[in-house]
C-alpha cells in the first residue's frame, strides 16, 4: 500500500510538472508567434510601399508618355508642315 501511495503521489507531481512545462512552452510559443506577426506586418507594409513606388516610377510615366507622344508628334508635324514635304 505504501508503495502504491508513493507512486500515486510521484505520478501526480510528474503530471503537475508536465502541465507547468506545457504551459511554459505555450507561453513561449505565443511570444514567438506575436514577434513573427509584428515582423510580417512590417514586411507587408514595406512591400506595399515598394509596389506603390513601382507604380509611381514606372507605370505613370509610361501612361504619360503614351498620352504626350501623340500630342508632341502632331505639334511637330503641324509646325514643319507635315513629314513628307521637304
Protein backbone atom coordinates (compact mmCIF):
# COMPACT_ATOMS: atom_id res chain seq x y z
CA UNK A 1 0.00 0.00 0.00
CA UNK A 2 2.71 2.38 0.91
CA UNK A 3 4.48 1.94 -2.42
CA UNK A 4 1.26 2.49 -4.35
CA UNK A 5 0.55 5.65 -2.40
CA UNK A 6 4.08 6.90 -3.03
CA UNK A 7 3.82 6.10 -6.75
CA UNK A 8 0.48 7.88 -6.98
CA UNK A 9 1.95 10.99 -5.36
CA UNK A 10 5.00 10.79 -7.60
CA UNK A 11 2.76 10.39 -10.63
CA UNK A 12 0.65 13.40 -9.64
CA UNK A 13 3.77 15.51 -9.12
CA UNK A 14 5.04 14.42 -12.52
CA UNK A 15 1.74 15.36 -14.16
CA UNK A 16 1.70 18.76 -12.44
CA UNK A 17 5.29 19.32 -13.56
CA UNK A 18 4.35 18.36 -17.13
CA UNK A 19 1.39 20.75 -17.08
CA UNK A 20 3.65 23.58 -15.94
CA UNK A 21 6.16 22.68 -18.62
CA UNK A 22 3.47 22.66 -21.30
CA UNK A 23 2.10 25.99 -20.10
CA UNK A 24 5.60 27.49 -20.22
CA UNK A 25 6.13 26.15 -23.74
CA UNK A 26 2.78 27.53 -24.88
CA UNK A 27 3.60 30.94 -23.40
CA UNK A 28 6.98 30.93 -25.17
CA UNK A 29 5.33 29.93 -28.46
CA UNK A 30 2.76 32.69 -28.07
CA UNK A 31 5.53 35.27 -27.62
CA UNK A 32 7.33 33.97 -30.69
CA UNK A 33 4.15 33.98 -32.77
CA UNK A 34 3.46 37.58 -31.75
CA UNK A 35 7.00 38.56 -32.75
CA UNK A 36 6.54 36.83 -36.11
CA UNK A 37 3.25 38.66 -36.63
CA UNK A 38 4.90 42.02 -36.00
CA UNK A 39 7.68 41.15 -38.43
CA UNK A 40 5.21 40.01 -41.10
CA UNK A 41 3.22 43.23 -40.77
CA UNK A 42 6.38 45.32 -41.19
CA UNK A 43 7.31 43.28 -44.28
CA UNK A 44 3.79 43.70 -45.69
CA UNK A 45 3.95 47.46 -45.27
CA UNK A 46 7.42 47.56 -46.85
CA UNK A 47 6.22 45.56 -49.87
CA UNK A 48 3.17 47.82 -50.19
CA UNK A 49 5.44 50.87 -50.29
CA UNK A 50 7.60 49.18 -52.94
CA UNK A 51 4.51 48.38 -55.02
CA UNK A 52 3.24 51.96 -54.95
CA UNK A 53 6.73 53.28 -55.70
CA UNK A 54 6.93 50.97 -58.70
CA UNK A 55 3.58 52.20 -59.94
CA UNK A 56 4.63 55.81 -59.47
CA UNK A 57 8.06 55.41 -61.09
CA UNK A 58 7.25 53.04 -63.97
CA UNK A 59 3.57 52.84 -64.85
CA UNK A 60 2.64 56.51 -64.53
CA UNK A 61 5.50 57.72 -66.79
CA UNK A 62 4.53 55.08 -69.38
CA UNK A 63 0.94 56.29 -69.33
CA UNK A 64 2.05 59.91 -69.51
CA UNK A 65 4.34 59.06 -72.43
CA UNK A 66 1.52 57.29 -74.23
CA UNK A 67 -0.62 60.41 -73.89
CA UNK A 68 2.07 63.03 -74.54
CA UNK A 69 3.92 61.45 -77.50
CA UNK A 70 0.95 61.72 -79.94
CA UNK A 71 0.46 65.37 -78.97
CA UNK A 72 4.15 66.13 -79.49
CA UNK A 73 4.20 64.35 -82.87
CA UNK A 74 1.13 66.25 -84.06
CA UNK A 75 2.66 69.53 -82.87
CA UNK A 76 5.93 68.90 -84.74
CA UNK A 77 4.16 67.75 -87.88
CA UNK A 78 1.95 70.85 -87.92
CA UNK A 79 4.96 73.06 -87.17
CA UNK A 80 7.01 71.62 -90.01
CA UNK A 81 4.00 71.38 -92.33
CA UNK A 82 3.88 67.59 -92.45
CA UNK A 83 6.56 64.95 -92.59
CA UNK A 84 6.61 64.41 -96.37
CA UNK A 85 7.23 67.95 -97.58
CA UNK A 86 10.90 68.97 -97.59
